[in-house]
C-alpha atoms as a PDB file:
ATOM      1  CA  MET A   1       0.000   0.000   0.000  1.00  0.00           C
ATOM      2  CA  PRO A   2       1.464   3.392  -0.914  1.00  0.00           C
ATOM      3  CA  ALA A   3       2.477   5.721   1.894  1.00  0.00           C
ATOM      4  CA  ASP A   4       0.101   8.419   3.011  1.00  0.00           C
ATOM      5  CA  PRO A   5       1.517  11.652   1.484  1.00  0.00           C
ATOM      6  CA  SER A   6       0.266  13.599   4.486  1.00  0.00           C
ATOM      7  CA  SER A   7       2.569  11.577   6.745  1.00  0.00           C
ATOM      8  CA  PRO A   8       6.153  12.102   5.513  1.00  0.00           C
ATOM      9  CA  PRO A   9       8.748   9.423   6.291  1.00  0.00           C
ATOM     10  CA  ALA A  10      10.838   9.858   9.375  1.00  0.00           C
ATOM     11  CA  ALA A  11      14.215  11.526   9.058  1.00  0.00           C
ATOM     12  CA  PRO A  12      17.275   9.230   8.880  1.00  0.00           C
ATOM     13  CA  ARG A  13      18.198   7.772  12.260  1.00  0.00           C
ATOM     14  CA  PHE A  14      21.752   8.981  12.763  1.00  0.00           C
ATOM     15  CA  ALA A  15      22.777   8.709  16.395  1.00  0.00           C
ATOM     16  CA  ALA A  16      24.527  11.551  18.171  1.00  0.00           C
ATOM     17  CA  ARG A  17      28.229  10.939  18.690  1.00  0.00           C
ATOM     18  CA  PRO A  18      30.442  12.122  21.546  1.00  0.00           C
ATOM     19  CA  SER A  19      31.757  15.603  20.848  1.00  0.00           C
ATOM     20  CA  GLU A  20      35.308  15.836  19.556  1.00  0.00           C
ATOM     21  CA  VAL A  21      35.046  19.542  18.905  1.00  0.00           C
ATOM     22  CA  PRO A  22      37.672  21.706  20.660  1.00  0.00           C
ATOM     23  CA  SER A  23      37.486  25.345  21.669  1.00  0.00           C
ATOM     24  CA  ALA A  24      34.219  25.385  23.573  1.00  0.00           C
ATOM     25  CA  GLY A  25      32.222  23.471  20.972  1.00  0.00           C
ATOM     26  CA  ILE A  26      33.297  25.393  17.849  1.00  0.00           C
ATOM     27  CA  ALA A  27      33.038  23.004  14.888  1.00  0.00           C
ATOM     28  CA  LEU A  28      34.041  25.418  12.094  1.00  0.00           C
ATOM     29  CA  ARG A  29      36.342  28.380  12.357  1.00  0.00           C
ATOM     30  CA  LEU A  30      37.561  30.966   9.863  1.00  0.00           C
ATOM     31  CA  GLU A  31      39.674  33.715  11.375  1.00  0.00           C
ATOM     32  CA  GLY A  32      40.555  36.866   9.441  1.00  0.00           C
ATOM     33  CA  VAL A  33      40.460  34.989   6.137  1.00  0.00           C
ATOM     34  CA  VAL A  34      41.502  36.782   2.969  1.00  0.00           C
ATOM     35  CA  ARG A  35      41.114  35.078  -0.403  1.00  0.00           C
ATOM     36  CA  ARG A  36      41.840  36.783  -3.694  1.00  0.00           C
ATOM     37  CA  PHE A  37      41.320  35.774  -7.301  1.00  0.00           C
ATOM     38  CA  GLY A  38      43.657  37.996  -9.239  1.00  0.00           C
ATOM     39  CA  ASP A  39      42.649  41.577  -8.532  1.00  0.00           C
ATOM     40  CA  VAL A  40      39.343  40.550  -6.963  1.00  0.00           C
ATOM     41  CA  THR A  41      39.067  39.998  -3.217  1.00  0.00           C
ATOM     42  CA  ALA A  42      36.451  37.292  -2.628  1.00  0.00           C
ATOM     43  CA  LEU A  43      36.827  37.285   1.167  1.00  0.00           C
ATOM     44  CA  ASP A  44      38.119  40.314   2.994  1.00  0.00           C
ATOM     45  CA  HIS A  45      39.338  39.507   6.540  1.00  0.00           C
ATOM     46  CA  PHE A  46      36.298  37.295   7.038  1.00  0.00           C
ATOM     47  CA  THR A  47      35.699  35.633  10.413  1.00  0.00           C
ATOM     48  CA  LEU A  48      33.098  32.947  11.077  1.00  0.00           C
ATOM     49  CA  ARG A  49      32.642  30.515  13.968  1.00  0.00           C
ATOM     50  CA  VAL A  50      29.987  27.806  13.867  1.00  0.00           C
ATOM     51  CA  ALA A  51      29.123  25.715  16.919  1.00  0.00           C
ATOM     52  CA  ARG A  52      28.476  21.991  16.915  1.00  0.00           C
ATOM     53  CA  GLY A  53      24.809  21.329  16.099  1.00  0.00           C
ATOM     54  CA  GLU A  54      24.221  24.863  14.808  1.00  0.00           C
ATOM     55  CA  VAL A  55      22.490  25.659  11.501  1.00  0.00           C
ATOM     56  CA  VAL A  56      24.013  28.770   9.935  1.00  0.00           C
ATOM     57  CA  GLY A  57      22.821  30.398   6.730  1.00  0.00           C
ATOM     58  CA  LEU A  58      25.148  32.382   4.472  1.00  0.00           C
ATOM     59  CA  LEU A  59      23.187  34.974   2.516  1.00  0.00           C
ATOM     60  CA  GLY A  60      24.457  37.304  -0.148  1.00  0.00           C
ATOM     61  CA  HIS A  61      24.426  38.181  -3.824  1.00  0.00           C
ATOM     62  CA  ASN A  62      26.381  36.095  -6.310  1.00  0.00           C
ATOM     63  CA  GLY A  63      30.011  36.952  -5.678  1.00  0.00           C
ATOM     64  CA  ALA A  64      29.535  37.838  -2.018  1.00  0.00           C
ATOM     65  CA  GLY A  65      31.928  35.073  -0.913  1.00  0.00           C
ATOM     66  CA  LYS A  66      29.584  32.216   0.056  1.00  0.00           C
ATOM     67  CA  THR A  67      30.963  29.549  -2.272  1.00  0.00           C
ATOM     68  CA  THR A  68      34.539  30.599  -1.549  1.00  0.00           C
ATOM     69  CA  THR A  69      33.845  30.029   2.149  1.00  0.00           C
ATOM     70  CA  VAL A  70      32.622  26.482   1.460  1.00  0.00           C
ATOM     71  CA  ARG A  71      35.632  25.696  -0.723  1.00  0.00           C
ATOM     72  CA  LEU A  72      38.001  26.883   1.971  1.00  0.00           C
ATOM     73  CA  LEU A  73      36.321  24.702   4.593  1.00  0.00           C
ATOM     74  CA  ALA A  74      36.511  21.705   2.267  1.00  0.00           C
ATOM     75  CA  GLY A  75      40.200  22.273   1.631  1.00  0.00           C
ATOM     76  CA  LEU A  76      39.671  22.984  -2.067  1.00  0.00           C
ATOM     77  CA  LEU A  77      41.155  26.463  -1.734  1.00  0.00           C
ATOM     78  CA  ALA A  78      43.921  27.922   0.415  1.00  0.00           C
ATOM     79  CA  PRO A  79      43.482  31.288   2.132  1.00  0.00           C
ATOM     80  CA  ASP A  80      45.871  34.063   1.189  1.00  0.00           C
ATOM     81  CA  ASP A  81      45.783  35.138   4.826  1.00  0.00           C
ATOM     82  CA  GLY A  82      44.074  34.005   8.005  1.00  0.00           C
ATOM     83  CA  SER A  83      43.260  30.482   9.191  1.00  0.00           C
ATOM     84  CA  VAL A  84      40.618  27.798   8.596  1.00  0.00           C
ATOM     85  CA  ALA A  85      39.799  24.833  10.833  1.00  0.00           C
ATOM     86  CA  VAL A  86      37.211  22.043  10.793  1.00  0.00           C
ATOM     87  CA  HIS A  87      36.962  20.306  14.174  1.00  0.00           C
ATOM     88  CA  GLY A  88      40.299  21.918  14.971  1.00  0.00           C
ATOM     89  CA  ILE A  89      41.962  20.495  11.827  1.00  0.00           C
ATOM     90  CA  ASP A  90      43.475  22.665   9.101  1.00  0.00           C
ATOM     91  CA  PRO A  91      42.023  21.355   5.785  1.00  0.00           C
ATOM     92  CA  LEU A  92      45.319  22.071   4.031  1.00  0.00           C
ATOM     93  CA  LEU A  93      47.303  19.973   6.490  1.00  0.00           C
ATOM     94  CA  ASP A  94      44.891  17.038   6.645  1.00  0.00           C
ATOM     95  CA  GLY A  95      42.491  17.389   3.751  1.00  0.00           C
ATOM     96  CA  SER A  96      41.558  13.722   3.760  1.00  0.00           C
ATOM     97  CA  GLY A  97      40.773  13.770   7.470  1.00  0.00           C
ATOM     98  CA  VAL A  98      38.594  16.859   7.098  1.00  0.00           C
ATOM     99  CA  ARG A  99      36.716  15.515   4.087  1.00  0.00           C
ATOM    100  CA  GLN A 100      35.900  12.324   6.004  1.00  0.00           C
ATOM    101  CA  ARG A 101      33.848  14.553   8.316  1.00  0.00           C
ATOM    102  CA  LEU A 102      32.214  16.660   5.612  1.00  0.00           C
ATOM    103  CA  GLY A 103      29.161  16.245   3.453  1.00  0.00           C
ATOM    104  CA  VAL A 104      29.280  18.806   0.647  1.00  0.00           C
ATOM    105  CA  LEU A 105      26.320  19.464  -1.640  1.00  0.00           C
ATOM    106  CA  PRO A 106      27.202  21.730  -4.588  1.00  0.00           C
ATOM    107  CA  ALA A 107      24.649  23.909  -6.350  1.00  0.00           C
ATOM    108  CA  ARG A 108      24.198  21.319  -9.106  1.00  0.00           C
ATOM    109  CA  PRO A 109      23.312  17.703  -8.239  1.00  0.00           C
ATOM    110  CA  VAL A 110      26.297  15.334  -8.230  1.00  0.00           C
ATOM    111  CA  VAL A 111      24.969  11.946  -9.293  1.00  0.00           C
ATOM    112  CA  ASP A 112      25.885   9.390 -11.969  1.00  0.00           C
ATOM    113  CA  ASP A 113      23.165   9.141 -14.614  1.00  0.00           C
ATOM    114  CA  ARG A 114      24.338   5.678 -15.652  1.00  0.00           C
ATOM    115  CA  LEU A 115      23.664   4.175 -12.230  1.00  0.00           C
ATOM    116  CA  THR A 116      20.404   3.582 -10.397  1.00  0.00           C
ATOM    117  CA  GLY A 117      19.511   5.583  -7.327  1.00  0.00           C
ATOM    118  CA  THR A 118      20.474   2.706  -5.059  1.00  0.00           C
ATOM    119  CA  GLN A 119      23.779   2.204  -6.885  1.00  0.00           C
ATOM    120  CA  ASN A 120      24.618   5.900  -6.520  1.00  0.00           C
ATOM    121  CA  LEU A 121      24.171   5.653  -2.755  1.00  0.00           C
ATOM    122  CA  ALA A 122      26.110   2.382  -2.591  1.00  0.00           C
ATOM    123  CA  PHE A 123      29.011   3.914  -4.482  1.00  0.00           C
ATOM    124  CA  ALA A 124      29.073   6.936  -2.150  1.00  0.00           C
ATOM    125  CA  GLY A 125      29.119   4.657   0.889  1.00  0.00           C
ATOM    126  CA  ALA A 126      31.902   2.518  -0.568  1.00  0.00           C
ATOM    127  CA  VAL A 127      34.058   5.603  -1.150  1.00  0.00           C
ATOM    128  CA  PHE A 128      33.937   6.197   2.612  1.00  0.00           C
ATOM    129  CA  GLY A 129      34.713   2.548   3.342  1.00  0.00           C
ATOM    130  CA  LEU A 130      31.379   1.742   4.982  1.00  0.00           C
ATOM    131  CA  PRO A 131      30.347  -1.924   5.451  1.00  0.00           C
ATOM    132  CA  ALA A 132      27.980  -3.227   2.781  1.00  0.00           C
ATOM    133  CA  ALA A 133      25.225  -4.019   5.282  1.00  0.00           C
ATOM    134  CA  LEU A 134      25.313  -0.483   6.710  1.00  0.00           C
ATOM    135  CA  ILE A 135      25.297   1.028   3.217  1.00  0.00           C
ATOM    136  CA  ALA A 136      22.216  -1.025   2.279  1.00  0.00           C
ATOM    137  CA  GLU A 137      20.417   0.023   5.474  1.00  0.00           C
ATOM    138  CA  ARG A 138      21.173   3.721   5.052  1.00  0.00           C
ATOM    139  CA  ALA A 139      20.388   3.676   1.337  1.00  0.00           C
ATOM    140  CA  ALA A 140      16.937   2.207   1.956  1.00  0.00           C
ATOM    141  CA  GLU A 141      16.295   4.684   4.756  1.00  0.00           C
ATOM    142  CA  LEU A 142      17.395   7.691   2.724  1.00  0.00           C
ATOM    143  CA  LEU A 143      15.455   6.682  -0.369  1.00  0.00           C
ATOM    144  CA  ALA A 144      12.345   6.468   1.814  1.00  0.00           C
ATOM    145  CA  THR A 145      13.079   9.792   3.491  1.00  0.00           C
ATOM    146  CA  PHE A 146      13.303  11.609   0.175  1.00  0.00           C
ATOM    147  CA  GLY A 147      10.414   9.816  -1.527  1.00  0.00           C
ATOM    148  CA  LEU A 148      12.554   7.817  -3.953  1.00  0.00           C
ATOM    149  CA  THR A 149      11.928   4.232  -2.849  1.00  0.00           C
ATOM    150  CA  ASP A 150       9.901   3.370  -5.941  1.00  0.00           C
ATOM    151  CA  ARG A 151      12.664   4.792  -8.191  1.00  0.00           C
ATOM    152  CA  GLY A 152      15.627   3.277  -6.380  1.00  0.00           C
ATOM    153  CA  ASP A 153      16.176   0.667  -9.106  1.00  0.00           C
ATOM    154  CA  ALA A 154      15.709   3.118 -11.973  1.00  0.00           C
ATOM    155  CA  ARG A 155      18.636   4.779 -13.705  1.00  0.00           C
ATOM    156  CA  VAL A 156      19.154   8.354 -12.616  1.00  0.00           C
ATOM    157  CA  GLY A 157      19.279   9.545 -16.230  1.00  0.00           C
ATOM    158  CA  GLY A 158      15.484   9.304 -16.205  1.00  0.00           C
ATOM    159  CA  TYR A 159      15.031  11.289 -12.981  1.00  0.00           C
ATOM    160  CA  SER A 160      13.495  14.751 -12.910  1.00  0.00           C
ATOM    161  CA  THR A 161      15.582  17.704 -11.718  1.00  0.00           C
ATOM    162  CA  GLY A 162      13.940  17.606  -8.306  1.00  0.00           C
ATOM    163  CA  MET A 163      14.504  13.866  -7.938  1.00  0.00           C
ATOM    164  CA  ARG A 164      18.164  14.284  -8.839  1.00  0.00           C
ATOM    165  CA  GLN A 165      18.518  16.988  -6.189  1.00  0.00           C
ATOM    166  CA  ARG A 166      16.924  14.782  -3.532  1.00  0.00           C
ATOM    167  CA  LEU A 167      19.160  11.868  -4.475  1.00  0.00           C
ATOM    168  CA  SER A 168      22.207  14.136  -4.408  1.00  0.00           C
ATOM    169  CA  LEU A 169      21.413  15.142  -0.831  1.00  0.00           C
ATOM    170  CA  ALA A 170      20.791  11.508   0.122  1.00  0.00           C
ATOM    171  CA  ARG A 171      24.198  10.664  -1.330  1.00  0.00           C
ATOM    172  CA  VAL A 172      25.801  13.322   0.881  1.00  0.00           C
ATOM    173  CA  LEU A 173      24.126  11.828   3.958  1.00  0.00           C
ATOM    174  CA  VAL A 174      25.141   8.198   3.367  1.00  0.00           C
ATOM    175  CA  SER A 175      28.448   8.689   5.186  1.00  0.00           C
ATOM    176  CA  ASP A 176      26.694  10.309   8.191  1.00  0.00           C
ATOM    177  CA  PRO A 177      28.963  13.405   8.117  1.00  0.00           C
ATOM    178  CA  ASP A 178      29.617  15.589  11.153  1.00  0.00           C
ATOM    179  CA  VAL A 179      29.378  18.751   9.052  1.00  0.00           C
ATOM    180  CA  LEU A 180      27.092  19.525   6.111  1.00  0.00           C
ATOM    181  CA  LEU A 181      28.015  22.300   3.662  1.00  0.00           C
ATOM    182  CA  LEU A 182      25.011  22.829   1.403  1.00  0.00           C
ATOM    183  CA  ASP A 183      24.652  25.140  -1.581  1.00  0.00           C
ATOM    184  CA  GLU A 184      20.977  25.876  -2.351  1.00  0.00           C
ATOM    185  CA  PRO A 185      19.735  22.487  -1.061  1.00  0.00           C
ATOM    186  CA  THR A 186      16.052  22.997  -1.972  1.00  0.00           C
ATOM    187  CA  ALA A 187      16.387  25.184  -5.068  1.00  0.00           C
ATOM    188  CA  ALA A 188      14.938  22.606  -7.503  1.00  0.00           C
ATOM    189  CA  LEU A 189      12.383  21.040  -5.175  1.00  0.00           C
ATOM    190  CA  ASP A 190       8.611  21.326  -5.008  1.00  0.00           C
ATOM    191  CA  PRO A 191       7.159  22.664  -1.733  1.00  0.00           C
ATOM    192  CA  VAL A 192       6.425  19.212  -0.266  1.00  0.00           C
ATOM    193  CA  ALA A 193       9.913  17.879  -1.019  1.00  0.00           C
ATOM    194  CA  ALA A 194      11.522  21.107   0.213  1.00  0.00           C
ATOM    195  CA  ARG A 195       9.645  20.808   3.499  1.00  0.00           C
ATOM    196  CA  GLN A 196      10.888  17.241   3.950  1.00  0.00           C
ATOM    197  CA  VAL A 197      14.494  18.270   3.258  1.00  0.00           C
ATOM    198  CA  ARG A 198      14.241  21.056   5.848  1.00  0.00           C
ATOM    199  CA  ARG A 199      12.759  18.619   8.321  1.00  0.00           C
ATOM    200  CA  THR A 200      15.634  16.197   7.759  1.00  0.00           C
ATOM    201  CA  LEU A 201      18.278  18.892   8.117  1.00  0.00           C
ATOM    202  CA  GLY A 202      16.669  20.211  11.281  1.00  0.00           C
ATOM    203  CA  SER A 203      16.603  16.694  12.738  1.00  0.00           C
ATOM    204  CA  LEU A 204      20.258  16.116  11.924  1.00  0.00           C
ATOM    205  CA  ALA A 205      21.286  19.357  13.603  1.00  0.00           C
ATOM    206  CA  ARG A 206      19.115  19.243  16.691  1.00  0.00           C
ATOM    207  CA  GLU A 207      18.832  15.522  17.414  1.00  0.00           C
ATOM    208  CA  ALA A 208      22.105  14.170  16.018  1.00  0.00           C
ATOM    209  CA  GLU A 209      24.151  17.347  16.704  1.00  0.00           C
ATOM    210  CA  ARG A 210      25.451  17.691  13.176  1.00  0.00           C
ATOM    211  CA  THR A 211      26.639  21.116  12.056  1.00  0.00           C
ATOM    212  CA  VAL A 212      24.996  22.633   8.967  1.00  0.00           C
ATOM    213  CA  VAL A 213      26.068  25.589   6.820  1.00  0.00           C
ATOM    214  CA  ILE A 214      23.638  26.572   4.070  1.00  0.00           C
ATOM    215  CA  CYS A 215      24.409  28.939   1.217  1.00  0.00           C
ATOM    216  CA  THR A 216      21.035  30.113  -0.003  1.00  0.00           C
ATOM    217  CA  HIS A 217      19.074  32.806  -1.786  1.00  0.00           C
ATOM    218  CA  ASP A 218      15.846  31.399  -0.347  1.00  0.00           C
ATOM    219  CA  LEU A 219      15.192  33.838   2.464  1.00  0.00           C
ATOM    220  CA  ALA A 220      12.082  32.010   3.667  1.00  0.00           C
ATOM    221  CA  GLU A 221      14.164  28.863   3.979  1.00  0.00           C
ATOM    222  CA  ALA A 222      16.843  30.640   6.002  1.00  0.00           C
ATOM    223  CA  GLU A 223      14.200  32.149   8.253  1.00  0.00           C
ATOM    224  CA  ALA A 224      12.571  28.764   8.872  1.00  0.00           C
ATOM    225  CA  LEU A 225      15.688  26.638   9.285  1.00  0.00           C
ATOM    226  CA  CYS A 226      18.682  28.651  10.470  1.00  0.00           C
ATOM    227  CA  ASP A 227      19.658  29.363  14.050  1.00  0.00           C
ATOM    228  CA  ARG A 228      21.865  32.181  12.814  1.00  0.00           C
ATOM    229  CA  VAL A 229      22.219  34.079   9.558  1.00  0.00           C
ATOM    230  CA  VAL A 230      25.376  35.763   8.242  1.00  0.00           C
ATOM    231  CA  VAL A 231      24.777  38.329   5.498  1.00  0.00           C
ATOM    232  CA  LEU A 232      27.764  38.817   3.188  1.00  0.00           C
ATOM    233  CA  ALA A 233      28.607  41.566   0.745  1.00  0.00           C
ATOM    234  CA  GLN A 234      31.896  41.994  -1.089  1.00  0.00           C
ATOM    235  CA  GLY A 235      33.539  39.318   1.048  1.00  0.00           C
ATOM    236  CA  ARG A 236      32.641  40.920   4.379  1.00  0.00           C
ATOM    237  CA  THR A 237      29.994  40.342   7.021  1.00  0.00           C
ATOM    238  CA  ILE A 238      27.495  43.200   6.986  1.00  0.00           C
ATOM    239  CA  ALA A 239      25.014  41.681   9.464  1.00  0.00           C
ATOM    240  CA  GLU A 240      24.812  38.625  11.690  1.00  0.00           C
ATOM    241  CA  GLY A 241      22.314  37.183  14.138  1.00  0.00           C
ATOM    242  CA  SER A 242      19.221  35.044  14.429  1.00  0.00           C
ATOM    243  CA  PRO A 243      16.459  35.827  11.896  1.00  0.00           C
ATOM    244  CA  ALA A 244      14.468  37.471  14.691  1.00  0.00           C
ATOM    245  CA  GLU A 245      17.442  39.576  15.818  1.00  0.00           C
ATOM    246  CA  LEU A 246      18.133  40.764  12.278  1.00  0.00           C
ATOM    247  CA  ALA A 247      14.478  41.603  11.722  1.00  0.00           C
ATOM    248  CA  GLY A 248      14.398  43.630  14.915  1.00  0.00           C
ATOM    249  CA  ALA A 249      17.611  45.483  14.140  1.00  0.00           C
ATOM    250  CA  HIS A 250      17.249  46.165  10.427  1.00  0.00           C
ATOM    251  CA  GLY A 251      13.649  45.635   9.350  1.00  0.00           C
ATOM    252  CA  SER A 252      10.837  48.177   9.431  1.00  0.00           C
ATOM    253  CA  GLY A 253       8.083  45.620   8.923  1.00  0.00           C
ATOM    254  CA  GLY A 254       4.718  46.838   7.735  1.00  0.00           C
ATOM    255  CA  LEU A 255       1.294  47.907   8.893  1.00  0.00           C
ATOM    256  CA  HIS A 256      -2.030  46.315   8.053  1.00  0.00           C
ATOM    257  CA  LEU A 257      -4.788  48.930   8.152  1.00  0.00           C
ATOM    258  CA  GLU A 258      -8.473  48.088   8.080  1.00  0.00           C
ATOM    259  CA  VAL A 259     -10.644  51.041   7.085  1.00  0.00           C
ATOM    260  CA  SER A 260     -14.169  51.500   5.827  1.00  0.00           C
ATOM    261  CA  GLY A 261     -14.595  50.817   2.128  1.00  0.00           C
ATOM    262  CA  ASP A 262     -15.293  54.448   1.257  1.00  0.00           C
ATOM    263  CA  SER A 263     -12.188  55.527   3.230  1.00  0.00           C
ATOM    264  CA  THR A 264      -9.780  53.426   1.157  1.00  0.00           C
ATOM    265  CA  GLU A 265      -8.935  56.066  -1.441  1.00  0.00           C
ATOM    266  CA  ARG A 266      -8.643  58.801   1.192  1.00  0.00           C
ATOM    267  CA  ALA A 267      -6.214  56.690   3.239  1.00  0.00           C
ATOM    268  CA  MET A 268      -4.149  55.856   0.149  1.00  0.00           C
ATOM    269  CA  ALA A 269      -3.883  59.512  -0.844  1.00  0.00           C
ATOM    270  CA  LEU A 270      -2.852  60.571   2.648  1.00  0.00           C
ATOM    271  CA  VAL A 271      -0.113  57.952   2.977  1.00  0.00           C
ATOM    272  CA  ARG A 272       1.253  58.902  -0.455  1.00  0.00           C
ATOM    273  CA  ASP A 273       1.285  62.639   0.316  1.00  0.00           C
ATOM    274  CA  PRO A 274       4.941  63.845   0.390  1.00  0.00           C
ATOM    275  CA  ALA A 275       4.142  66.216   3.267  1.00  0.00           C
ATOM    276  CA  VAL A 276       2.817  63.310   5.331  1.00  0.00           C
ATOM    277  CA  ALA A 277       5.867  61.218   4.474  1.00  0.00           C
ATOM    278  CA  GLY A 278       8.077  64.039   5.677  1.00  0.00           C
ATOM    279  CA  GLU A 279       6.263  64.234   8.993  1.00  0.00           C
ATOM    280  CA  LEU A 280       6.645  60.465   9.369  1.00  0.00           C
ATOM    281  CA  GLY A 281      10.378  60.792   8.721  1.00  0.00           C
ATOM    282  CA  VAL A 282      10.475  58.709   5.523  1.00  0.00           C
ATOM    283  CA  GLU A 283      10.904  59.539   1.854  1.00  0.00           C
ATOM    284  CA  ARG A 284       7.678  57.861   0.793  1.00  0.00           C
ATOM    285  CA  PRO A 285       5.960  54.858   2.388  1.00  0.00           C
ATOM    286  CA  ALA A 286       4.956  52.031   0.087  1.00  0.00           C
ATOM    287  CA  VAL A 287       1.231  51.340   0.243  1.00  0.00           C
ATOM    288  CA  GLU A 288      -0.931  48.767  -1.489  1.00  0.00           C
ATOM    289  CA  VAL A 289      -4.575  47.723  -1.374  1.00  0.00           C
ATOM    290  CA  VAL A 290      -4.779  44.111  -0.242  1.00  0.00           C
ATOM    291  CA  GLU A 291      -8.539  44.203  -0.772  1.00  0.00           C
ATOM    292  CA  PRO A 292     -11.170  46.930  -0.444  1.00  0.00           C
ATOM    293  CA  GLY A 293     -10.906  48.331   3.043  1.00  0.00           C
ATOM    294  CA  ARG A 294      -7.553  46.672   3.773  1.00  0.00           C
ATOM    295  CA  LEU A 295      -4.246  48.422   3.174  1.00  0.00           C
ATOM    296  CA  ARG A 296      -0.653  47.374   3.677  1.00  0.00           C
ATOM    297  CA  VAL A 297       1.867  50.141   4.404  1.00  0.00           C
ATOM    298  CA  ARG A 298       5.640  49.626   4.451  1.00  0.00           C
ATOM    299  CA  GLY A 299       8.459  51.890   5.458  1.00  0.00           C
ATOM    300  CA  VAL A 300       6.926  53.465   8.572  1.00  0.00           C
ATOM    301  CA  ALA A 301       9.139  53.188  11.640  1.00  0.00           C
ATOM    302  CA  ARG A 302       7.627  51.879  14.864  1.00  0.00           C
ATOM    303  CA  ASP A 303       7.753  55.225  16.648  1.00  0.00           C
ATOM    304  CA  ALA A 304       5.974  56.909  13.690  1.00  0.00           C
ATOM    305  CA  VAL A 305       2.933  54.615  13.822  1.00  0.00           C
ATOM    306  CA  PRO A 306       1.012  56.786  16.362  1.00  0.00           C
ATOM    307  CA  ILE A 307       1.623  59.823  14.151  1.00  0.00           C
ATOM    308  CA  LEU A 308       0.192  58.036  11.111  1.00  0.00           C
ATOM    309  CA  ILE A 309      -2.867  56.892  13.074  1.00  0.00           C
ATOM    310  CA  ARG A 310      -3.514  60.431  14.306  1.00  0.00           C
ATOM    311  CA  MET A 311      -3.232  61.855  10.780  1.00  0.00           C
ATOM    312  CA  LEU A 312      -5.584  59.231   9.349  1.00  0.00           C
ATOM    313  CA  LEU A 313      -8.225  59.960  11.994  1.00  0.00           C
ATOM    314  CA  GLU A 314      -7.872  63.733  11.547  1.00  0.00           C
ATOM    315  CA  ALA A 315      -8.400  63.235   7.803  1.00  0.00           C
ATOM    316  CA  GLY A 316     -11.714  61.528   8.476  1.00  0.00           C
ATOM    317  CA  VAL A 317     -10.574  57.997   7.689  1.00  0.00           C
ATOM    318  CA  GLU A 318     -12.741  55.431   9.481  1.00  0.00           C
ATOM    319  CA  LEU A 319     -10.026  53.241  10.988  1.00  0.00           C
ATOM    320  CA  PHE A 320     -11.088  49.890  12.438  1.00  0.00           C
ATOM    321  CA  GLU A 321      -7.801  48.073  12.996  1.00  0.00           C
ATOM    322  CA  VAL A 322      -4.033  48.675  12.922  1.00  0.00           C
ATOM    323  CA  ARG A 323      -1.796  45.635  13.084  1.00  0.00           C
ATOM    324  CA  ARG A 324       1.987  45.746  12.915  1.00  0.00           C
ATOM    325  CA  GLU A 325       3.650  43.060  10.815  1.00  0.00           C
ATOM    326  CA  THR A 326       6.891  41.415  11.916  1.00  0.00           C
ATOM    327  CA  PRO A 327       9.658  42.244   9.402  1.00  0.00           C
ATOM    328  CA  THR A 328      10.719  39.343   7.211  1.00  0.00           C
ATOM    329  CA  LEU A 329      14.264  38.301   6.481  1.00  0.00           C
ATOM    330  CA  GLU A 330      13.663  39.327   2.873  1.00  0.00           C
ATOM    331  CA  GLU A 331      12.996  42.906   3.969  1.00  0.00           C
ATOM    332  CA  VAL A 332      16.104  42.871   6.128  1.00  0.00           C
ATOM    333  CA  TYR A 333      18.215  41.507   3.283  1.00  0.00           C
ATOM    334  CA  LEU A 334      16.980  44.094   0.794  1.00  0.00           C
ATOM    335  CA  ALA A 335      17.435  46.899   3.314  1.00  0.00           C
ATOM    336  CA  LEU A 336      21.006  45.844   4.051  1.00  0.00           C
ATOM    337  CA  HIS A 337      21.971  45.512   0.411  1.00  0.00           C
ATOM    338  CA  GLY A 338      20.453  48.856  -0.397  1.00  0.00           C
ATOM    339  CA  GLU A 339      23.358  50.305   1.584  1.00  0.00           C
ATOM    340  CA  VAL A 340      26.031  48.289  -0.238  1.00  0.00           C
ATOM    341  CA  PRO A 341      27.335  48.944  -3.783  1.00  0.00           C
ATOM    342  CA  ASP A 342      26.346  46.375  -6.381  1.00  0.00           C
ATOM    343  CA  GLU A 343      28.763  43.487  -6.604  1.00  0.00           C
ATOM    344  CA  GLU A 344      29.977  41.633  -9.624  1.00  0.00           C
ATOM    345  CA  GLU A 345      29.723  37.863  -9.629  1.00  0.00           C
ATOM    346  CA  ARG A 346      33.190  36.697  -8.708  1.00  0.00           C
ATOM    347  CA  ALA A 347      33.215  33.831  -6.189  1.00  0.00           C
END
């Protein structure tokens, strides 16, 4: 009998291992790292510390330094200055030892089209020297987790893009890595599959104490999954904190206004009036009609909300409700990058 789609399979059962992480639980460390490509500086004295079991999101435009950071941690690049350590090990001194602990998912799926899904997972397990019985157990578990059980014996060349992405992540997890470095892990997935991937990653971090670094442009994903977000621009950190902390520090949020139907146009005109914007201390708030009688206003600071309410009432607007919206990570991201010069794609 097919599985009930409303009841997703359980996440892989990877047991927590005793901590071997030095320095007060810091699993990943980059200290004052500089990395140049010719005349372009991809990372500019960049420092990042990630604790064991923490999920950290790296956000930034193309060329901000996200992929360079992952390559340095994997030992695929050497820093021009500064230091890099994974579980206290320099990837350049013991690259093999570091890579035994890492699971790296690049932006494009890494699978062999000539093999079946099961064979791809078996090959990945064999590369890490896992026993055949353990490989078979984990392969079956991972195929079920990512909804690929019925395609496990099919060649990957016939998989859809989303199926290939799910299999690629399953392949990364076969070795049960201590650290996951993921580049856009849900970019090609439908909403149901993306939710299952997030669930699996959250389980690995919180129940099995694996460390996860996600490079993503999906701000909703970062908000839902990450304990901490690091926003990069031109190889430097321009903001860092939990999604809630960043929203509180950098986001203005929005206001939902409920007015009488015949007050809608009057409220719109008032909010768009340059003189009103000046009194509110903004250039010009953004306002949209969600539906007749319901407006959404952005760009009004918290301390200016009482002023706006007073002005609406004085203008004869029948105001029934004012509700402040929590700023999203997307708003924070756009606000931060509005203060930073455009970057060229370089890393």
